[in-house]
Protein backbone atom coordinates (compact mmCIF):
# COMPACT_ATOMS: atom_id res chain seq x y z
CA MET A 1 -13.15 -16.79 -29.18
CA PHE A 2 -9.90 -15.45 -27.72
CA LEU A 3 -10.41 -12.67 -25.20
CA PRO A 4 -7.33 -10.47 -24.90
CA TYR A 5 -7.95 -9.39 -21.32
CA ASP A 6 -10.17 -9.76 -18.22
CA MET A 7 -13.59 -8.58 -19.45
CA PRO A 8 -16.67 -7.98 -17.24
CA PRO A 9 -19.15 -10.86 -17.61
CA TYR A 10 -22.18 -8.55 -17.59
CA ARG A 11 -23.12 -5.14 -18.97
CA PRO A 12 -26.38 -3.25 -19.61
CA PRO A 13 -28.01 -3.81 -23.02
CA SER A 14 -27.43 -0.14 -23.80
CA GLU A 15 -23.68 -0.82 -23.56
CA ALA A 16 -23.75 -3.53 -26.26
CA TYR A 17 -21.30 -1.57 -28.43
CA SER A 18 -19.09 -0.33 -25.61
CA VAL A 19 -15.60 -1.56 -24.83
CA LEU A 20 -15.74 -3.40 -21.50
CA ILE A 21 -13.11 -2.74 -18.83
CA ARG A 22 -13.11 -4.55 -15.50
CA ALA A 23 -12.05 -2.51 -12.45
CA THR A 24 -13.67 -4.80 -9.87
CA ARG A 25 -14.74 -8.43 -9.86
CA GLY A 26 -18.11 -9.57 -8.58
CA CYS A 27 -20.60 -7.73 -6.39
CA PRO A 28 -19.80 -6.36 -2.91
CA TRP A 29 -23.48 -6.78 -1.87
CA ASN A 30 -24.60 -9.90 -3.77
CA ARG A 31 -27.66 -10.62 -1.59
CA CYS A 32 -30.58 -9.61 -3.81
CA THR A 33 -33.01 -12.53 -3.88
CA PHE A 34 -33.88 -12.19 -7.58
CA CYS A 35 -30.33 -11.91 -8.94
CA GLY A 36 -28.25 -14.78 -10.29
CA MET A 37 -25.25 -12.67 -11.31
CA TYR A 38 -21.74 -12.96 -9.83
CA LYS A 39 -22.68 -15.90 -7.60
CA GLU A 40 -19.47 -17.81 -8.39
CA GLU A 41 -17.31 -14.68 -8.11
CA ARG A 42 -15.62 -13.53 -4.93
CA PHE A 43 -15.68 -9.74 -4.76
CA GLU A 44 -12.35 -8.09 -5.45
CA ILE A 45 -11.12 -4.60 -6.28
CA LYS A 46 -8.47 -4.88 -8.96
CA SER A 47 -5.30 -2.88 -8.67
CA VAL A 48 -4.94 0.24 -10.76
CA GLU A 49 -1.93 -1.27 -12.53
CA GLU A 50 -3.83 -4.44 -13.41
CA THR A 51 -6.70 -2.39 -14.83
CA LYS A 52 -4.27 -0.24 -16.82
CA LYS A 53 -2.82 -3.39 -18.37
CA ASP A 54 -6.34 -4.37 -19.42
CA ILE A 55 -6.83 -0.93 -20.95
CA ASP A 56 -3.57 -1.38 -22.87
CA ALA A 57 -4.80 -4.77 -24.13
CA ALA A 58 -8.14 -3.26 -25.13
CA ARG A 59 -6.41 -0.51 -27.09
CA ALA A 60 -4.26 -3.08 -28.89
CA PHE A 61 -7.35 -5.11 -29.70
CA TYR A 62 -9.83 -2.35 -30.63
CA GLY A 63 -7.55 0.49 -31.68
CA PRO A 64 -7.57 4.08 -30.38
CA ASP A 65 -10.88 5.27 -31.86
CA VAL A 66 -13.21 3.80 -29.23
CA LYS A 67 -16.21 6.02 -28.43
CA ARG A 68 -17.88 4.25 -25.51
CA VAL A 69 -16.59 2.33 -22.50
CA PHE A 70 -18.38 0.44 -19.72
CA ILE A 71 -16.51 -0.17 -16.45
CA GLY A 72 -17.46 -3.33 -14.55
CA ASP A 73 -18.27 -5.24 -12.51
CA SER A 74 -21.29 -4.39 -10.39
CA ASN A 75 -20.33 -1.32 -8.36
CA SER A 76 -17.11 0.40 -9.40
CA LEU A 77 -17.74 3.32 -7.07
CA VAL A 78 -16.63 1.21 -4.10
CA MET A 79 -13.09 1.86 -5.31
CA LYS A 80 -11.12 4.65 -3.70
CA THR A 81 -11.93 7.83 -5.56
CA ARG A 82 -8.31 8.58 -6.40
CA ASP A 83 -7.81 5.09 -7.84
CA LEU A 84 -10.91 5.19 -10.03
CA CYS A 85 -9.98 8.72 -11.16
CA GLU A 86 -6.55 7.42 -12.15
CA VAL A 87 -8.14 4.60 -14.14
CA LEU A 88 -10.45 7.08 -15.87
CA ARG A 89 -7.66 9.47 -16.77
CA TYR A 90 -5.59 6.65 -18.21
CA LEU A 91 -8.60 5.42 -20.14
CA TYR A 92 -9.00 8.80 -21.83
CA GLU A 93 -5.27 8.94 -22.58
CA GLN A 94 -5.44 5.62 -24.41
CA PHE A 95 -8.78 6.33 -26.10
CA PRO A 96 -8.75 10.08 -26.85
CA HIS A 97 -12.07 9.98 -28.76
CA ILE A 98 -14.22 8.65 -25.91
CA GLU A 99 -17.70 10.18 -25.74
CA ARG A 100 -19.19 8.16 -22.88
CA VAL A 101 -17.92 6.14 -19.91
CA THR A 102 -20.50 4.35 -17.76
CA SER A 103 -20.63 2.01 -14.78
CA TYR A 104 -23.02 0.10 -12.56
CA ALA A 105 -23.44 1.57 -9.06
CA ARG A 106 -25.51 0.98 -5.93
CA ALA A 107 -27.66 3.83 -4.67
CA ARG A 108 -26.31 3.42 -1.13
CA THR A 109 -22.72 3.61 -2.35
CA VAL A 110 -23.50 6.85 -4.18
CA GLY A 111 -25.29 8.19 -1.11
CA ARG A 112 -22.35 7.43 1.17
CA LYS A 113 -19.73 8.98 -1.09
CA LYS A 114 -18.88 12.62 -0.49
CA LEU A 115 -20.29 14.94 -3.11
CA GLU A 116 -16.82 16.31 -3.88
CA ASN A 117 -15.63 12.76 -4.61
CA LEU A 118 -18.54 12.14 -6.96
CA ILE A 119 -17.81 15.42 -8.72
CA ALA A 120 -14.15 14.40 -9.02
CA LEU A 121 -15.19 11.16 -10.72
CA ARG A 122 -17.49 13.04 -13.05
CA GLU A 123 -14.73 15.52 -13.94
CA ALA A 124 -12.32 12.62 -14.52
CA GLY A 125 -14.70 11.36 -17.21
CA LEU A 126 -17.28 8.99 -15.70
CA THR A 127 -20.45 10.17 -17.40
CA ARG A 128 -23.32 7.81 -16.60
CA LEU A 129 -24.36 5.56 -13.72
CA HIS A 130 -26.61 2.51 -14.08
CA VAL A 131 -28.42 1.90 -10.78
CA GLY A 132 -30.88 -0.86 -9.91
CA LEU A 133 -33.88 0.64 -8.15
CA GLU A 134 -36.07 -2.45 -8.80
CA THR A 135 -38.92 -1.09 -6.66
CA GLY A 136 -39.78 1.95 -4.58
CA ASP A 137 -41.92 0.05 -2.08
CA ALA A 138 -40.24 -0.21 1.32
CA GLY A 139 -41.62 -3.65 2.15
CA LEU A 140 -40.58 -5.11 -1.18
CA LEU A 141 -37.09 -3.61 -0.98
CA ALA A 142 -36.67 -5.40 2.35
CA PHE A 143 -38.23 -8.62 1.03
CA ILE A 144 -35.84 -8.83 -1.92
CA LYS A 145 -32.89 -7.86 0.32
CA LYS A 146 -31.93 -4.91 -1.83
CA GLY A 147 -30.08 -3.32 1.08
CA ALA A 148 -31.62 0.13 0.71
CA THR A 149 -34.78 1.96 1.73
CA PRO A 150 -36.81 4.21 -0.58
CA GLU A 151 -35.27 7.20 1.18
CA GLN A 152 -31.74 5.90 0.54
CA MET A 153 -32.62 5.25 -3.10
CA ILE A 154 -33.80 8.84 -3.42
CA GLU A 155 -30.72 10.19 -1.65
CA GLY A 156 -28.36 8.28 -3.93
CA GLY A 157 -30.23 9.21 -7.09
CA GLN A 158 -30.46 12.89 -6.28
CA LYS A 159 -26.81 12.99 -5.28
CA ALA A 160 -25.72 11.37 -8.55
CA LEU A 161 -27.63 13.98 -10.52
CA LYS A 162 -26.26 16.80 -8.37
CA ALA A 163 -22.72 15.59 -9.13
CA GLY A 164 -23.48 15.87 -12.84
CA PHE A 165 -23.91 12.22 -13.85
CA GLU A 166 -26.49 10.96 -16.27
CA LEU A 167 -28.59 8.52 -14.25
CA SER A 168 -30.23 5.36 -15.56
CA LEU A 169 -32.54 3.64 -13.06
CA TYR A 170 -33.80 0.09 -13.51
CA VAL A 171 -37.28 -1.04 -12.50
CA LEU A 172 -38.15 -4.73 -12.14
CA LEU A 173 -41.71 -5.37 -13.28
CA GLY A 174 -43.35 -8.25 -11.45
CA ILE A 175 -41.13 -8.11 -8.37
CA GLY A 176 -44.22 -7.50 -6.23
CA GLY A 177 -45.68 -10.77 -7.39
CA GLU A 178 -49.41 -11.24 -7.71
CA ASP A 179 -50.11 -9.88 -4.22
CA HIS A 180 -48.15 -6.61 -4.11
CA SER A 181 -48.16 -5.41 -7.69
CA GLN A 182 -50.13 -2.23 -7.01
CA ALA A 183 -47.92 -1.24 -4.07
CA HIS A 184 -44.86 -1.90 -6.22
CA ALA A 185 -46.10 0.31 -9.07
CA LEU A 186 -47.18 3.20 -6.86
CA GLY A 187 -44.13 3.12 -4.60
CA THR A 188 -41.81 2.95 -7.59
CA ALA A 189 -43.50 5.90 -9.26
CA GLU A 190 -43.12 7.89 -6.03
CA VAL A 191 -39.37 7.26 -5.81
CA LEU A 192 -38.83 7.93 -9.52
CA ASN A 193 -40.75 11.21 -9.22
CA ALA A 194 -38.54 12.28 -6.32
CA ILE A 195 -35.36 11.55 -8.30
CA ASP A 196 -36.40 12.44 -11.87
CA PRO A 197 -33.62 10.40 -13.54
CA ASP A 198 -32.46 10.75 -17.13
CA PHE A 199 -33.52 7.20 -17.99
CA ILE A 200 -36.06 4.73 -16.60
CA ARG A 201 -35.38 1.22 -17.88
CA VAL A 202 -37.85 -1.57 -17.16
CA ARG A 203 -37.11 -5.27 -16.89
CA THR A 204 -39.52 -8.10 -16.06
CA LEU A 205 -38.78 -10.60 -13.32
CA VAL A 206 -37.63 -13.97 -14.67
CA PRO A 207 -36.99 -16.26 -11.68
CA TYR A 208 -33.70 -18.08 -12.19
CA PRO A 209 -33.10 -21.54 -10.68
CA GLY A 210 -30.77 -21.28 -7.72
CA THR A 211 -31.88 -17.79 -6.67
CA PRO A 212 -33.73 -17.31 -3.36
CA ILE A 213 -36.84 -15.98 -5.11
CA PHE A 214 -37.00 -19.14 -7.24
CA GLU A 215 -36.93 -21.19 -4.03
CA GLN A 216 -39.61 -18.95 -2.49
CA ILE A 217 -41.85 -19.69 -5.47
CA SER A 218 -41.21 -23.43 -5.09
CA GLU A 219 -42.13 -23.21 -1.40
CA GLY A 220 -45.28 -21.17 -2.05
CA LEU A 221 -43.91 -18.06 -0.34
CA PHE A 222 -44.06 -15.90 -3.48
CA THR A 223 -46.73 -15.95 -6.19
CA PRO A 224 -45.35 -14.74 -9.52
CA ALA A 225 -47.34 -11.98 -11.18
CA SER A 226 -49.42 -13.10 -14.14
CA PRO A 227 -48.89 -11.40 -17.52
CA ARG A 228 -52.18 -9.54 -17.04
CA THR A 229 -51.00 -8.27 -13.66
CA ILE A 230 -47.65 -7.17 -15.10
CA LEU A 231 -49.38 -5.27 -17.91
CA THR A 232 -51.71 -3.58 -15.41
CA GLU A 233 -48.71 -2.78 -13.20
CA THR A 234 -46.96 -1.16 -16.15
CA LEU A 235 -50.00 1.02 -16.83
CA THR A 236 -50.21 2.08 -13.17
CA LEU A 237 -46.52 2.95 -13.12
CA VAL A 238 -46.64 5.06 -16.27
CA GLU A 239 -49.87 6.79 -15.25
CA ASN A 240 -48.31 7.95 -11.97
CA LEU A 241 -44.96 9.19 -13.27
CA LYS A 242 -44.21 12.90 -13.04
CA VAL A 243 -40.71 12.98 -14.49
CA HIS A 244 -38.64 14.30 -17.36
CA SER A 245 -37.13 10.93 -18.22
CA GLU A 246 -36.71 8.68 -21.20
CA PHE A 247 -38.72 5.52 -20.53
CA LEU A 248 -37.20 2.44 -22.14
CA SER A 249 -38.38 -1.15 -22.41
CA ASP A 250 -35.05 -2.27 -23.82
CA HIS A 251 -34.91 -5.87 -22.67
CA ILE A 252 -36.21 -9.14 -24.08
CA SER A 253 -37.76 -10.08 -20.72
CA ASN A 254 -40.52 -7.50 -21.15
CA LEU A 255 -43.97 -8.48 -22.41
CA VAL A 256 -44.48 -5.32 -24.48
CA ASP A 257 -42.24 -2.68 -25.99
CA LEU A 258 -43.17 0.62 -24.39
CA ASN A 259 -40.84 3.53 -25.01
CA GLY A 260 -41.14 7.28 -24.87
CA GLN A 261 -39.90 10.62 -23.60
CA LEU A 262 -41.79 11.75 -20.52
CA PRO A 263 -43.86 13.74 -19.95
CA GLY A 264 -44.54 14.46 -23.63
CA ASP A 265 -45.18 10.85 -24.69
CA GLN A 266 -47.03 9.87 -21.52
CA PRO A 267 -50.58 10.19 -22.94
CA LYS A 268 -49.87 7.92 -25.90
CA MET A 269 -48.01 5.42 -23.69
CA VAL A 270 -50.98 5.26 -21.30
CA ALA A 271 -53.37 4.94 -24.22
CA ALA A 272 -51.29 2.09 -25.68
CA MET A 273 -51.37 0.13 -22.42
CA ARG A 274 -55.10 0.72 -21.97
CA GLU A 275 -55.71 -0.49 -25.50
CA ILE A 276 -53.74 -3.68 -24.86
CA LEU A 277 -55.59 -4.38 -21.61
CA GLY A 278 -58.92 -3.60 -23.28
CA GLU A 279 -58.22 -6.06 -26.10
CA ILE A 280 -57.27 -8.74 -23.57
CA GLU A 281 -60.46 -8.11 -21.62
CA GLU A 282 -62.50 -8.75 -24.77
CA ARG A 283 -60.38 -11.61 -26.07
CA PRO A 284 -58.34 -13.29 -23.28
CA GLU A 285 -56.67 -15.59 -25.80
CA LEU A 286 -54.73 -12.57 -27.07
CA LEU A 287 -52.73 -12.65 -23.86
CA GLU A 288 -50.58 -15.35 -25.43
CA THR A 289 -49.30 -12.84 -28.00
CA TYR A 290 -47.54 -10.92 -25.22
CA PHE A 291 -45.43 -13.89 -24.20
CA LYS A 292 -41.95 -14.25 -25.63
CA PRO A 293 -40.39 -17.71 -25.76
CA ARG A 294 -39.28 -18.45 -22.21
CA ASP A 295 -35.80 -19.55 -23.27
CA TYR A 296 -35.21 -16.16 -24.87
CA ARG A 297 -36.73 -14.19 -21.99
CA CYS A 298 -34.08 -15.70 -19.72
CA LEU A 299 -31.20 -14.24 -21.74
């Protein structure tokens, strides 16, 4: 298929119907042990003029009636504020019917940016940030080389909300392995409660060949969490949340679909997880029904 311009190679599932515009290439951090993205890509901030040309190409390809846009790659907020604001303003000029513009961001980048710069980006039209929390446990954050502490995650999340962004935080089920699942669930709930994001999106760890965590498993340094452990971890997480967030299991990697608006749907979500675990306790063979084909889970 012919691609008319330089598109981002990745986007969140919730941006499946968004036009993709690339303002940076690769990831400026790119050290997380579980992540296989951008490994062949040297990080680069594209020029404003180059990005405008891509926007022109996107308009020619999609027409002017685009409603949603995702700006890639992994952390567009590393751009100079004035440059990203210029890109955003041009984007709205070319697509006057835009309703939502989103981007990936790192919590530490948000935390380091001045509040007035974040507000300027929000006023220029950036509406939602997708941020990988993964876990709220300090030891695990260090182990997976996330490059942020729980306190820095909280600072970045709270600052994004204060600037007026919608905030979508991603949690990686199973990242504590078999040995630290409980600490992962409780620490993550604590950080999420301190931030109270708009969206909590869960993913399940799928170790990819070539990533450090895959090698750690091969060397016996990390024991992957069993499906039963992941289901129990999910229950512990949901039980301990005190947020006003939409909880979404919107990824094929997850063992169960668990969705709801917290806190209102929390009782039925907890009940659903307890029912699943109770059924497995009585009939362990049912555990197989919560597996998805491994080839598909790796998508």
